Amino acid sequence: MAETYEQKIERKLKVKQQVIAVASGREKADLVLKNATYLNVFSNEFLVGDIAVSNGLIAGIGKYNGKVEVDVRGKIVLPGFIDAHIHLESSMVSPTEFAKAVISHGTTTVITDPHEIANVMGTDGIEYMIEATSNLPLDVHFMLPSCVPATEIDESGAVLEYKDIDKYFEHKKVLGLAEMMNYVGVINGDSKVVSKIIASQAHHKKIDGHAPELSGNDLNAYISAGVYSDHECSTFENALEKLQKGQFIMIREGTAAHNLKALMPLLNDKYYARCMFATDDKHPNDLLYGGHIDYIVKEAIRNGANPIIALKVATHHAARYFLLNNKGAIASGYLADIVVVDNIRDFDIQQVYKRGKLVFDDKEVIDFPTPTIESRLVEKCHNTFHLDKVTPESFDIKGDLGLIGLVSGELLTKNLGTANHIDVENDILKIACVERHKNTNHIGVGYVKGYSLKSGAVATSIAHDSHNIITVGCSDSDIAIAVNAIKDNNGGIVVVENGEIKALLELPIAGLMSEEPLKVVNDKLEKAKASAYSLGVSKNIDPFMTLSFISLPVIPSLRITTKGVFDVDKWKIVE
């Protein structure tokens, strides 16, 4: 039987009374971190005291005795780190594996936008992620996807209007509407777009932004609709204009985008109060060997930021923006989400506590159970490839087709006109996007220059944002084998040469995530990269990340879609 309101009040009353008793010194705390040098985010200084924890909350700081006492003398105690914006699916691992990875880096809360899996599974994808993140020793909050699909040219697994997502705003883990990528629709007052913003506001929730280089009156119009944050700032000038006009700035430093250095001028007394840290995307190698929010903090300090400013941006500010009012501080009444580091210089994470429980100690994550997910959702996420097997003839399209020019280090591409055949010697390869959600048999074909593959084919089911199958190859036969391998494994990344699969990373969770441990996933991914490079792929690009964005028809100039090569500037298929 569900807990009644009266029972809930009674339960919470008992907890509150016990916390008060501990805070006043009448009862022993569950845990006391003795002699702590801790960050006070309110007075902007490091102070010393015993931190008493009761029922998962910080009861008080002063002189306390506890049932368990840990002497942290000489170490630095910090609030748990918060990632203000991430697509958890980008880690390519399950939420459980993701939690293990980021906990070890001191992250205790993330705000995720599940638009990758929502593009594949619709609202079932949102429900899957909510269930898959329940009761983890990591708080995962959600922003509801605003643009599924990203554009009308996309063929995704679902179309989500405001009525489809509206009921989820009331879920306790949902904080608002995720990055509103369709800023053109907002500026033009498109009813389908703006209605999603109004729905979030009706539920008193946040709306996050996504508006690269938007400026002037267009930016005014975008903000006036109710979009009060942005993580797409690559220059200080654009970030400052957005901040001056009322937006909070998420300083992004992830795997695909690196904006910290350009935005370092924000991390001073004048501007930092409106800033947070975010990663957006974090790939396996980065999580294993680079870090998470802790990496951004270390880099910010290394580049000259005041440590207290960097730490507040990593903790307190995201909590305030998202109205997580019991997070982001070491203070009475706040959740005991606590990180212990050796010192500010080396920033080696020693222990992590989640709601007062030790979850990471001496380089080891404490074991925790994997969340239970409804069988219907598990079955659906393992059955997201609805297409017939392809043959070499599926890609044998005659005539002139659009030629996409890759730009090293950029998501932008060049319009190089057209081509009508593979010319490996001149680095003209075939590229295709195969619809996989509704068995439409739609296959868009074109050519690409700058990938430099000399033999074989590469394919992936991570293809933003609709996540169809995208492939590049030197022959139609290897392309067909690569695409069929993706289908047969319910998703993944594959490298093929002369009819043989040279490397494969299976991604059976919606074609986006693996069920294997992070280390195994990373090893398979690195093997696939090495295989792709051995076949000639340019060392100036990431073989799979480059492919994954070449299908996103909102970034100029040419993109590959299931309908063919798409000219973003002219907003039409190249003919």
Protein backbone atom coordinates (compact mmCIF):
# COMPACT_ATOMS: atom_id res chain seq x y z
CA MET A 1 0.00 0.00 0.00
CA ALA A 2 1.27 3.44 -0.93
CA GLU A 3 2.37 5.77 1.83
CA THR A 4 -0.32 8.28 2.81
CA TYR A 5 0.40 11.98 3.17
CA GLU A 6 0.04 11.72 6.95
CA GLN A 7 2.47 8.79 7.06
CA LYS A 8 4.94 10.73 4.94
CA ILE A 9 4.79 13.69 7.32
CA GLU A 10 5.26 11.40 10.32
CA ARG A 11 8.26 9.67 8.73
CA LYS A 12 9.92 12.94 7.80
CA LEU A 13 9.17 14.39 11.23
CA LYS A 14 11.08 11.59 12.95
CA VAL A 15 14.05 12.13 10.65
CA LYS A 16 13.99 15.88 11.16
CA GLN A 17 13.79 15.55 14.93
CA GLN A 18 16.78 13.22 14.93
CA VAL A 19 18.81 15.58 12.74
CA ILE A 20 17.96 18.45 15.08
CA ALA A 21 19.02 16.35 18.07
CA VAL A 22 22.37 15.61 16.42
CA ALA A 23 22.86 19.23 15.38
CA SER A 24 22.25 20.41 18.94
CA GLY A 25 24.71 17.85 20.31
CA ARG A 26 22.12 15.80 22.23
CA GLU A 27 22.71 12.69 20.09
CA LYS A 28 25.69 11.21 18.32
CA ALA A 29 25.92 11.66 14.55
CA ASP A 30 25.89 8.71 12.17
CA LEU A 31 29.18 10.00 10.76
CA VAL A 32 31.58 12.76 11.72
CA LEU A 33 34.39 13.99 9.48
CA LYS A 34 36.76 15.26 12.18
CA ASN A 35 39.04 18.27 11.77
CA ALA A 36 37.79 19.03 8.27
CA THR A 37 39.09 21.94 6.24
CA TYR A 38 35.99 22.58 4.18
CA LEU A 39 34.85 25.00 1.51
CA ASN A 40 32.21 27.44 2.71
CA VAL A 41 30.43 28.51 -0.50
CA PHE A 42 28.56 31.28 1.30
CA SER A 43 31.51 33.20 2.74
CA ASN A 44 33.96 32.17 0.00
CA GLU A 45 36.60 30.75 2.28
CA PHE A 46 37.97 27.53 3.74
CA LEU A 47 37.01 26.93 7.37
CA VAL A 48 37.81 24.22 9.90
CA GLY A 49 35.39 22.09 11.91
CA ASP A 50 33.84 18.68 12.49
CA ILE A 51 31.16 17.84 9.91
CA ALA A 52 28.32 15.86 11.52
CA VAL A 53 26.04 13.73 9.32
CA SER A 54 22.64 12.32 10.31
CA ASN A 55 20.13 10.52 8.08
CA GLY A 56 22.01 11.56 4.96
CA LEU A 57 22.02 15.24 5.87
CA ILE A 58 24.71 17.50 7.23
CA ALA A 59 23.39 18.19 10.72
CA GLY A 60 26.01 20.72 11.72
CA ILE A 61 29.62 21.89 11.66
CA GLY A 62 31.50 22.54 14.87
CA LYS A 63 32.56 20.09 17.59
CA TYR A 64 30.78 16.75 17.27
CA ASN A 65 31.02 13.07 18.21
CA GLY A 66 29.80 10.29 15.97
CA LYS A 67 29.07 6.59 15.81
CA VAL A 68 31.65 6.58 13.01
CA GLU A 69 34.45 9.14 13.02
CA VAL A 70 36.90 9.76 10.18
CA ASP A 71 39.84 12.10 10.73
CA VAL A 72 40.31 14.21 7.58
CA ARG A 73 42.90 16.55 9.07
CA GLY A 74 45.13 18.01 6.34
CA LYS A 75 42.66 17.22 3.56
CA ILE A 76 40.12 19.43 1.77
CA VAL A 77 36.40 18.69 2.03
CA LEU A 78 34.13 19.89 -0.78
CA PRO A 79 30.49 19.63 -1.88
CA GLY A 80 29.82 16.93 -4.49
CA PHE A 81 30.34 18.09 -8.07
CA ILE A 82 27.40 18.73 -10.41
CA ASP A 83 27.39 18.36 -14.20
CA ALA A 84 24.84 20.91 -15.42
CA HIS A 85 24.29 19.36 -18.85
CA ILE A 86 25.17 15.96 -20.27
CA HIS A 87 23.77 13.37 -22.63
CA LEU A 88 24.42 10.31 -20.53
CA GLU A 89 24.09 8.05 -23.58
CA SER A 90 27.25 9.61 -25.03
CA SER A 91 29.30 7.57 -22.56
CA MET A 92 28.30 4.46 -24.58
CA VAL A 93 27.80 2.55 -21.33
CA SER A 94 24.79 1.79 -19.15
CA PRO A 95 23.76 4.32 -16.50
CA THR A 96 25.14 1.96 -13.84
CA GLU A 97 28.57 1.93 -15.47
CA PHE A 98 28.40 5.67 -15.99
CA ALA A 99 27.66 6.17 -12.30
CA LYS A 100 30.66 4.06 -11.32
CA ALA A 101 32.87 6.18 -13.54
CA VAL A 102 31.81 9.65 -12.43
CA ILE A 103 31.48 8.84 -8.72
CA SER A 104 35.20 8.11 -8.72
CA HIS A 105 35.72 11.66 -9.98
CA GLY A 106 33.66 13.25 -7.21
CA THR A 107 30.47 13.83 -9.20
CA THR A 108 27.37 13.23 -7.12
CA THR A 109 24.72 14.84 -9.36
CA VAL A 110 24.21 15.13 -13.11
CA ILE A 111 21.48 16.80 -15.15
CA THR A 112 20.94 14.78 -18.29
CA ASP A 113 19.04 15.35 -21.52
CA PRO A 114 18.00 11.91 -22.85
CA HIS A 115 17.34 13.15 -26.36
CA GLU A 116 19.59 10.52 -27.93
CA ILE A 117 17.50 7.59 -26.71
CA ALA A 118 14.28 9.59 -27.11
CA ASN A 119 15.05 9.97 -30.82
CA VAL A 120 15.16 6.17 -30.99
CA MET A 121 12.41 5.12 -28.55
CA GLY A 122 10.32 8.22 -27.90
CA THR A 123 8.86 8.52 -24.41
CA ASP A 124 9.76 4.89 -23.74
CA GLY A 125 13.38 6.01 -23.99
CA ILE A 126 12.78 8.67 -21.35
CA GLU A 127 11.11 6.11 -19.09
CA TYR A 128 13.95 3.65 -19.65
CA MET A 129 16.54 6.20 -18.54
CA ILE A 130 14.50 7.27 -15.51
CA GLU A 131 14.24 3.66 -14.34
CA ALA A 132 17.86 2.85 -15.23
CA THR A 133 19.06 5.71 -13.02
CA SER A 134 16.83 5.05 -10.01
CA ASN A 135 18.48 4.43 -6.64
CA LEU A 136 22.01 4.87 -7.94
CA PRO A 137 24.62 6.43 -5.63
CA LEU A 138 24.48 9.29 -8.13
CA ASP A 139 21.54 11.66 -8.44
CA VAL A 140 20.45 11.83 -12.08
CA HIS A 141 17.98 14.59 -12.86
CA PHE A 142 16.33 15.04 -16.25
CA MET A 143 15.57 17.80 -18.68
CA LEU A 144 12.94 16.67 -21.19
CA PRO A 145 14.03 16.56 -24.85
CA SER A 146 12.82 19.63 -26.74
CA CYS A 147 13.66 18.68 -30.32
CA VAL A 148 12.75 15.12 -31.30
CA PRO A 149 13.55 14.94 -34.15
CA ALA A 150 16.06 17.75 -34.55
CA THR A 151 14.48 18.84 -37.88
CA GLU A 152 11.68 17.79 -40.17
CA ILE A 153 14.22 16.35 -42.61
CA ASP A 154 15.22 13.73 -40.02
CA GLU A 155 13.70 10.26 -39.88
CA SER A 156 13.80 9.38 -36.21
CA GLY A 157 12.14 6.67 -34.18
CA ALA A 158 9.67 9.14 -32.69
CA VAL A 159 8.20 12.61 -32.91
CA LEU A 160 7.61 14.32 -29.56
CA GLU A 161 5.26 17.28 -29.27
CA TYR A 162 4.52 19.10 -26.04
CA LYS A 163 1.51 16.86 -25.32
CA ASP A 164 3.76 13.79 -25.49
CA ILE A 165 6.18 15.03 -22.85
CA ASP A 166 3.85 17.17 -20.72
CA LYS A 167 3.04 14.55 -18.07
CA TYR A 168 6.73 13.94 -17.38
CA PHE A 169 7.23 17.48 -16.09
CA GLU A 170 5.58 16.34 -12.86
CA HIS A 171 8.08 13.53 -12.30
CA LYS A 172 10.25 14.25 -9.27
CA LYS A 173 13.45 13.73 -11.27
CA VAL A 174 12.48 16.13 -14.09
CA LEU A 175 13.73 19.71 -13.76
CA GLY A 176 12.53 21.21 -17.03
CA LEU A 177 12.90 21.39 -20.80
CA ALA A 178 16.28 20.50 -22.30
CA GLU A 179 18.35 22.52 -24.71
CA MET A 180 16.04 24.30 -27.15
CA MET A 181 18.06 23.67 -30.31
CA ASN A 182 15.42 25.05 -32.63
CA TYR A 183 16.24 28.66 -31.86
CA VAL A 184 15.01 29.67 -35.32
CA GLY A 185 11.59 28.27 -34.45
CA VAL A 186 11.62 30.18 -31.16
CA ILE A 187 12.61 33.46 -32.83
CA ASN A 188 9.89 33.01 -35.46
CA GLY A 189 7.28 32.18 -32.83
CA ASP A 190 6.62 28.68 -34.19
CA SER A 191 3.65 27.41 -32.20
CA LYS A 192 4.88 23.80 -31.93
CA VAL A 193 8.23 24.97 -30.61
CA VAL A 194 7.09 27.73 -28.26
CA SER A 195 4.31 25.56 -26.82
CA LYS A 196 6.97 23.27 -25.32
CA ILE A 197 8.52 26.25 -23.54
CA ILE A 198 5.10 27.33 -22.26
CA ALA A 199 4.41 23.79 -21.00
CA SER A 200 7.62 23.77 -18.98
CA GLN A 201 6.82 27.19 -17.55
CA ALA A 202 3.30 26.03 -16.68
CA HIS A 203 4.90 23.39 -14.49
CA HIS A 204 7.29 25.99 -13.00
CA LYS A 205 10.31 24.26 -14.52
CA LYS A 206 13.51 25.47 -16.21
CA ILE A 207 14.22 25.83 -19.94
CA ASP A 208 17.79 25.30 -21.12
CA GLY A 209 19.20 26.87 -24.26
CA HIS A 210 21.28 25.87 -27.27
CA ALA A 211 22.01 28.85 -29.48
CA PRO A 212 25.54 28.97 -30.90
CA GLU A 213 26.63 32.52 -31.82
CA LEU A 214 23.08 33.89 -31.49
CA SER A 215 23.29 37.63 -30.91
CA GLY A 216 21.47 40.97 -31.03
CA ASN A 217 17.71 41.10 -31.40
CA ASP A 218 17.54 37.42 -32.30
CA LEU A 219 19.10 36.62 -28.93
CA ASN A 220 16.66 39.00 -27.26
CA ALA A 221 13.76 37.18 -28.90
CA TYR A 222 15.13 33.79 -27.86
CA ILE A 223 15.57 34.82 -24.23
CA SER A 224 12.21 36.58 -24.12
CA ALA A 225 10.54 33.23 -24.74
CA GLY A 226 11.95 32.03 -21.41
CA VAL A 227 15.30 30.40 -22.26
CA TYR A 228 17.66 31.35 -19.45
CA SER A 229 20.79 29.26 -19.96
CA ASP A 230 23.16 28.33 -22.76
CA HIS A 231 26.03 25.84 -23.15
CA GLU A 232 26.88 26.65 -26.78
CA CYS A 233 29.32 29.50 -26.12
CA SER A 234 32.65 29.13 -27.90
CA THR A 235 33.80 32.75 -27.53
CA PHE A 236 33.98 35.03 -24.52
CA GLU A 237 32.23 37.81 -26.44
CA ASN A 238 29.14 35.69 -27.20
CA ALA A 239 29.05 34.29 -23.65
CA LEU A 240 29.29 37.79 -22.18
CA GLU A 241 26.44 39.10 -24.33
CA LYS A 242 24.25 36.20 -23.25
CA LEU A 243 25.19 36.72 -19.61
CA GLN A 244 24.52 40.45 -19.82
CA LYS A 245 21.09 39.73 -21.29
CA GLY A 246 20.18 37.45 -18.41
CA GLN A 247 21.29 33.93 -19.31
CA PHE A 248 23.29 31.59 -17.11
CA ILE A 249 26.35 30.25 -18.91
CA MET A 250 27.26 26.58 -18.79
CA ILE A 251 31.00 26.47 -19.46
CA ARG A 252 31.39 23.31 -21.52
CA GLU A 253 34.44 21.11 -21.49
CA GLY A 254 33.72 17.59 -22.75
CA THR A 255 34.90 15.11 -25.32
CA ALA A 256 33.52 16.78 -28.43
CA ALA A 257 33.63 20.45 -27.41
CA HIS A 258 36.33 22.31 -25.47
CA ASN A 259 35.26 25.81 -24.47
CA LEU A 260 36.94 26.30 -21.09
CA LYS A 261 40.02 28.20 -22.28
CA ALA A 262 37.99 30.60 -24.39
CA LEU A 263 35.62 31.27 -21.49
CA MET A 264 38.20 31.58 -18.71
CA PRO A 265 37.56 35.39 -18.50
CA LEU A 266 34.13 34.54 -17.06
CA LEU A 267 35.75 33.00 -13.99
CA ASN A 268 36.28 36.24 -12.09
CA ASP A 269 34.41 38.13 -9.39
CA LYS A 270 32.38 40.09 -11.94
CA TYR A 271 30.83 37.24 -13.90
CA TYR A 272 31.28 33.88 -12.20
CA ALA A 273 28.02 33.95 -10.23
CA ARG A 274 26.11 33.21 -13.45
CA CYS A 275 28.33 30.27 -14.50
CA MET A 276 28.22 26.47 -14.19
CA PHE A 277 30.34 23.63 -15.57
CA ALA A 278 29.00 21.07 -18.03
CA THR A 279 30.45 18.32 -20.20
CA ASP A 280 27.65 17.76 -22.76
CA ASP A 281 29.30 14.54 -23.99
CA LYS A 282 31.83 12.27 -22.29
CA HIS A 283 33.25 9.26 -24.12
CA PRO A 284 34.68 6.14 -22.45
CA ASN A 285 38.36 7.05 -22.75
CA ASP A 286 37.74 10.47 -21.24
CA LEU A 287 35.81 9.01 -18.32
CA LEU A 288 38.51 6.43 -17.63
CA TYR A 289 41.61 8.53 -18.00
CA GLY A 290 40.61 12.18 -18.24
CA GLY A 291 38.05 12.79 -15.56
CA HIS A 292 34.72 14.53 -15.32
CA ILE A 293 33.86 17.81 -13.55
CA ASP A 294 37.01 17.37 -11.45
CA TYR A 295 39.05 17.66 -14.65
CA ILE A 296 37.39 20.98 -15.50
CA VAL A 297 38.09 22.30 -12.00
CA LYS A 298 41.74 21.32 -12.23
CA GLU A 299 42.10 22.86 -15.69
CA ALA A 300 40.39 26.06 -14.59
CA ILE A 301 42.75 26.42 -11.62
CA ARG A 302 45.75 25.54 -13.79
CA ASN A 303 44.71 28.30 -16.19
CA GLY A 304 44.58 30.88 -13.43
CA ALA A 305 41.13 30.69 -11.84
CA ASN A 306 40.76 31.34 -8.14
CA PRO A 307 40.20 27.83 -6.68
CA ILE A 308 37.17 28.95 -4.68
CA ILE A 309 35.55 30.41 -7.79
CA ALA A 310 36.23 27.23 -9.79
CA LEU A 311 34.83 25.05 -7.00
CA LYS A 312 31.67 27.12 -6.58
CA VAL A 313 31.03 26.97 -10.33
CA ALA A 314 31.42 23.18 -10.10
CA THR A 315 29.01 22.78 -7.20
CA HIS A 316 26.88 25.56 -5.75
CA HIS A 317 25.85 27.39 -8.90
CA ALA A 318 24.23 24.49 -10.73
CA ALA A 319 22.35 23.60 -7.55
CA ARG A 320 21.00 27.14 -7.31
CA TYR A 321 20.08 27.41 -10.99
CA PHE A 322 18.17 24.11 -11.00
CA LEU A 323 16.57 24.86 -7.60
CA LEU A 324 18.24 21.85 -5.99
CA ASN A 325 18.13 23.75 -2.75
CA ASN A 326 19.64 21.06 -0.52
CA LYS A 327 22.71 20.50 -2.70
CA GLY A 328 25.93 22.28 -3.51
CA ALA A 329 27.16 23.28 -0.05
CA ILE A 330 28.76 21.97 3.12
CA ALA A 331 26.26 23.39 5.58
CA SER A 332 23.54 22.41 8.05
CA GLY A 333 20.49 20.88 6.39
CA TYR A 334 22.20 20.14 3.08
CA LEU A 335 22.57 16.66 1.65
CA ALA A 336 25.79 15.02 2.76
CA ASP A 337 27.17 14.79 -0.79
CA ILE A 338 30.82 15.22 0.08
CA VAL A 339 34.16 14.92 -1.70
CA VAL A 340 37.47 14.62 0.15
CA VAL A 341 40.61 15.58 -1.79
CA ASP A 342 44.25 15.58 -0.76
CA ASN A 343 44.85 19.24 -1.63
CA ILE A 344 43.86 21.88 -4.13
CA ARG A 345 47.10 21.55 -6.12
CA ASP A 346 47.05 17.80 -6.87
CA PHE A 347 43.30 17.38 -6.45
CA ASP A 348 43.49 13.63 -5.89
CA ILE A 349 40.06 12.39 -4.83
CA GLN A 350 40.34 10.28 -1.66
CA GLN A 351 36.73 9.61 -0.65
CA VAL A 352 33.26 10.41 -1.90
CA TYR A 353 30.13 10.31 0.28
CA LYS A 354 26.61 10.25 -1.14
CA ARG A 355 23.94 11.21 1.39
CA GLY A 356 26.46 10.39 4.09
CA LYS A 357 27.31 6.92 2.80
CA LEU A 358 30.81 6.14 1.57
CA VAL A 359 30.58 5.34 -2.15
CA PHE A 360 34.23 5.77 -3.20
CA ASP A 361 37.29 5.09 -1.08
CA ASP A 362 40.97 4.81 -1.93
CA LYS A 363 40.44 4.46 -5.70
CA GLU A 364 37.63 1.90 -5.34
CA VAL A 365 33.91 2.39 -5.98
CA ILE A 366 31.84 0.66 -3.31
CA ASP A 367 29.58 -1.98 -4.89
CA PHE A 368 25.93 -1.06 -5.39
CA PRO A 369 22.97 -2.87 -7.00
CA THR A 370 21.94 -2.28 -10.60
CA PRO A 371 18.48 -0.68 -10.85
CA THR A 372 15.57 -2.87 -11.90
CA ILE A 373 14.02 -1.82 -15.22
CA GLU A 374 10.57 -2.76 -16.45
CA SER A 375 10.88 -5.80 -18.75
CA ARG A 376 8.82 -4.10 -21.45
CA LEU A 377 11.35 -1.28 -21.67
CA VAL A 378 14.33 -3.64 -21.62
CA GLU A 379 12.87 -5.65 -24.47
CA LYS A 380 12.07 -2.56 -26.50
CA CYS A 381 15.52 -1.01 -26.10
CA HIS A 382 17.06 -4.26 -27.41
CA ASN A 383 14.80 -4.26 -30.46
CA THR A 384 15.27 -0.91 -32.16
CA PHE A 385 16.55 -1.99 -35.57
CA HIS A 386 13.70 -2.35 -38.00
CA LEU A 387 15.20 -2.71 -41.45
CA ASP A 388 15.85 -5.39 -44.05
CA LYS A 389 19.33 -6.65 -44.77
CA VAL A 390 21.10 -4.52 -47.33
CA THR A 391 23.12 -5.63 -50.36
CA PRO A 392 25.89 -3.91 -52.33
CA GLU A 393 23.22 -2.95 -54.84
CA SER A 394 21.44 -0.96 -52.12
CA PHE A 395 24.24 1.61 -52.38
CA ASP A 396 24.79 1.50 -56.15
CA ILE A 397 23.23 4.85 -56.99
CA LYS A 398 24.15 6.26 -60.41
CA GLY A 399 24.66 9.90 -61.28
CA ASP A 400 26.07 12.98 -59.60
CA LEU A 401 25.63 13.10 -55.81
CA GLY A 402 26.63 15.71 -53.24
CA LEU A 403 30.29 15.74 -52.15
CA ILE A 404 30.79 16.56 -48.46
CA GLY A 405 34.13 18.09 -47.47
CA LEU A 406 35.29 17.36 -43.92
CA VAL A 407 37.06 20.12 -41.99
CA SER A 408 39.73 18.98 -39.54
CA GLY A 409 38.80 19.81 -35.95
CA GLU A 410 35.37 21.17 -36.86
CA LEU A 411 31.81 19.89 -37.05
CA LEU A 412 31.26 22.21 -40.01
CA THR A 413 31.65 20.72 -43.49
CA LYS A 414 32.32 22.19 -46.93
CA ASN A 415 30.18 21.98 -50.03
CA LEU A 416 32.54 20.51 -52.62
CA GLY A 417 29.96 20.16 -55.36
CA THR A 418 29.21 16.66 -56.61
CA ALA A 419 30.89 13.36 -57.47
CA ASN A 420 29.68 10.26 -59.29
CA HIS A 421 32.07 7.47 -58.26
CA ILE A 422 34.45 6.31 -55.55
CA ASP A 423 38.01 7.55 -56.15
CA VAL A 424 40.16 6.29 -53.29
CA GLU A 425 43.33 7.79 -54.73
CA ASN A 426 41.78 11.25 -54.52
CA ASP A 427 40.08 10.55 -51.19
CA ILE A 428 36.55 10.51 -52.58
CA LEU A 429 34.61 7.86 -50.67
CA LYS A 430 31.00 6.77 -50.61
CA ILE A 431 28.89 7.79 -47.61
CA ALA A 432 25.40 6.58 -46.79
CA CYS A 433 22.72 6.96 -44.13
CA VAL A 434 20.39 3.97 -43.70
CA GLU A 435 17.00 4.43 -42.01
CA ARG A 436 16.63 1.85 -39.23
CA HIS A 437 13.56 2.78 -37.19
CA LYS A 438 10.53 2.03 -39.36
CA ASN A 439 11.80 -0.18 -42.19
CA THR A 440 11.18 2.48 -44.83
CA ASN A 441 14.07 1.19 -46.97
CA HIS A 442 15.25 4.78 -47.23
CA ILE A 443 18.98 4.99 -47.92
CA GLY A 444 20.61 8.32 -48.62
CA VAL A 445 23.85 8.10 -50.59
CA GLY A 446 26.55 10.65 -51.36
CA TYR A 447 30.32 11.14 -51.34
CA VAL A 448 32.76 12.50 -48.79
CA LYS A 449 36.29 13.89 -48.95
CA GLY A 450 38.70 14.23 -46.03
CA TYR A 451 38.07 10.89 -44.30
CA SER A 452 41.07 9.31 -46.09
CA LEU A 453 40.01 5.65 -45.78
CA LYS A 454 42.09 3.57 -48.22
CA SER A 455 40.31 0.23 -47.91
CA GLY A 456 37.18 -1.30 -46.36
CA ALA A 457 34.29 0.46 -44.62
CA VAL A 458 33.28 1.92 -41.27
CA ALA A 459 29.74 2.13 -39.84
CA THR A 460 28.06 3.31 -36.64
CA SER A 461 24.55 3.47 -35.19
CA ILE A 462 25.47 6.61 -33.24
CA ALA A 463 24.41 9.23 -35.78
CA HIS A 464 23.09 12.48 -34.34
CA ASP A 465 20.37 13.09 -33.66
CA SER A 466 18.09 10.46 -35.18
CA HIS A 467 20.65 7.66 -34.85
CA ASN A 468 20.14 5.88 -38.11
CA ILE A 469 23.08 3.88 -39.49
CA ILE A 470 25.82 5.95 -41.08
CA THR A 471 28.64 4.41 -43.09
CA VAL A 472 31.66 5.38 -45.16
CA GLY A 473 33.53 3.00 -47.42
CA CYS A 474 35.68 2.25 -50.40
CA SER A 475 33.35 -0.38 -51.86
CA ASP A 476 29.64 -1.11 -51.86
CA SER A 477 30.28 -4.69 -50.74
CA ASP A 478 32.17 -3.71 -47.57
CA ILE A 479 29.62 -0.97 -46.87
CA ALA A 480 26.81 -3.55 -47.02
CA ILE A 481 28.65 -5.93 -44.67
CA ALA A 482 29.27 -3.12 -42.18
CA VAL A 483 25.61 -2.03 -42.16
CA ASN A 484 24.37 -5.61 -41.77
CA ALA A 485 26.78 -6.13 -38.86
CA ILE A 486 25.23 -3.13 -37.11
CA LYS A 487 21.74 -4.56 -37.68
CA ASP A 488 22.70 -8.08 -36.56
CA ASN A 489 24.18 -6.79 -33.29
CA ASN A 490 21.32 -4.39 -32.53
CA GLY A 491 23.68 -1.48 -32.84
CA GLY A 492 27.33 -0.68 -32.58
CA ILE A 493 30.48 0.51 -34.27
CA VAL A 494 32.18 -1.67 -36.86
CA VAL A 495 35.22 -1.70 -39.13
CA VAL A 496 35.26 -4.00 -42.18
CA GLU A 497 37.91 -4.84 -44.75
CA ASN A 498 37.61 -7.22 -47.71
CA GLY A 499 34.43 -8.76 -46.35
CA GLU A 500 35.87 -9.39 -42.88
CA ILE A 501 34.88 -7.66 -39.65
CA LYS A 502 38.12 -6.28 -38.22
CA ALA A 503 36.67 -4.62 -35.10
CA LEU A 504 33.26 -4.41 -33.45
CA LEU A 505 31.82 -2.60 -30.44
CA GLU A 506 28.29 -3.83 -29.74
CA LEU A 507 25.79 -1.19 -28.54
CA PRO A 508 22.58 -3.15 -27.96
CA ILE A 509 20.84 -0.59 -25.70
CA ALA A 510 18.92 1.39 -28.35
CA GLY A 511 21.97 1.20 -30.61
CA LEU A 512 23.65 3.74 -28.32
CA MET A 513 24.97 2.02 -25.20
CA SER A 514 26.77 -1.16 -24.24
CA GLU A 515 25.95 -3.53 -21.39
CA GLU A 516 29.62 -4.27 -20.74
CA PRO A 517 31.95 -2.62 -18.19
CA LEU A 518 33.44 0.75 -19.09
CA LYS A 519 36.96 -0.67 -19.42
CA VAL A 520 35.79 -3.35 -21.86
CA VAL A 521 33.83 -0.79 -23.90
CA ASN A 522 36.83 1.51 -24.05
CA ASP A 523 39.15 -1.32 -25.10
CA LYS A 524 36.80 -2.31 -27.93
CA LEU A 525 36.38 1.30 -29.00
CA GLU A 526 40.13 1.90 -29.02
CA LYS A 527 40.63 -1.29 -31.03
CA ALA A 528 38.06 -0.08 -33.55
CA LYS A 529 39.81 3.31 -33.78
CA ALA A 530 43.17 1.64 -34.31
CA SER A 531 41.66 -0.56 -37.00
CA ALA A 532 40.12 2.44 -38.77
CA TYR A 533 43.41 4.34 -38.65
CA SER A 534 45.26 1.30 -40.00
CA LEU A 535 42.95 1.41 -43.01
CA GLY A 536 44.01 5.00 -43.69
CA VAL A 537 41.50 7.18 -41.81
CA SER A 538 43.04 10.60 -41.25
CA LYS A 539 44.74 10.95 -37.87
CA ASN A 540 43.33 14.50 -37.74
CA ILE A 541 39.82 13.19 -37.05
CA ASP A 542 38.10 10.77 -34.71
CA PRO A 543 36.81 8.04 -37.06
CA PHE A 544 33.48 7.60 -35.28
CA MET A 545 32.76 10.95 -33.68
CA THR A 546 33.23 12.58 -37.07
CA LEU A 547 30.75 10.17 -38.63
CA SER A 548 28.27 10.59 -35.80
CA PHE A 549 27.86 14.32 -36.46
CA ILE A 550 27.95 14.26 -40.26
CA SER A 551 24.27 13.28 -40.27
CA LEU A 552 23.04 16.22 -38.14
CA PRO A 553 21.22 18.53 -40.57
CA VAL A 554 21.47 21.71 -38.53
CA ILE A 555 25.21 22.31 -38.94
CA PRO A 556 26.42 23.78 -42.28
CA SER A 557 27.19 23.05 -44.97
CA LEU A 558 26.40 19.55 -46.27
CA ARG A 559 25.04 16.58 -44.29
CA ILE A 560 24.13 13.02 -45.16
CA THR A 561 20.53 12.03 -44.36
CA THR A 562 18.32 9.05 -45.16
CA LYS A 563 17.00 11.11 -48.08
CA GLY A 564 20.39 11.97 -49.55
CA VAL A 565 22.98 14.72 -49.18
CA PHE A 566 21.33 17.73 -47.56
CA ASP A 567 22.38 21.33 -48.17
CA VAL A 568 21.85 23.08 -44.82
CA ASP A 569 22.40 26.55 -46.29
CA LYS A 570 19.77 26.08 -48.98
CA TRP A 571 17.69 23.74 -46.81
CA LYS A 572 17.16 21.15 -49.53
CA ILE A 573 18.48 17.84 -50.83
CA VAL A 574 21.36 18.18 -53.29
CA GLU A 575 20.11 17.17 -56.72
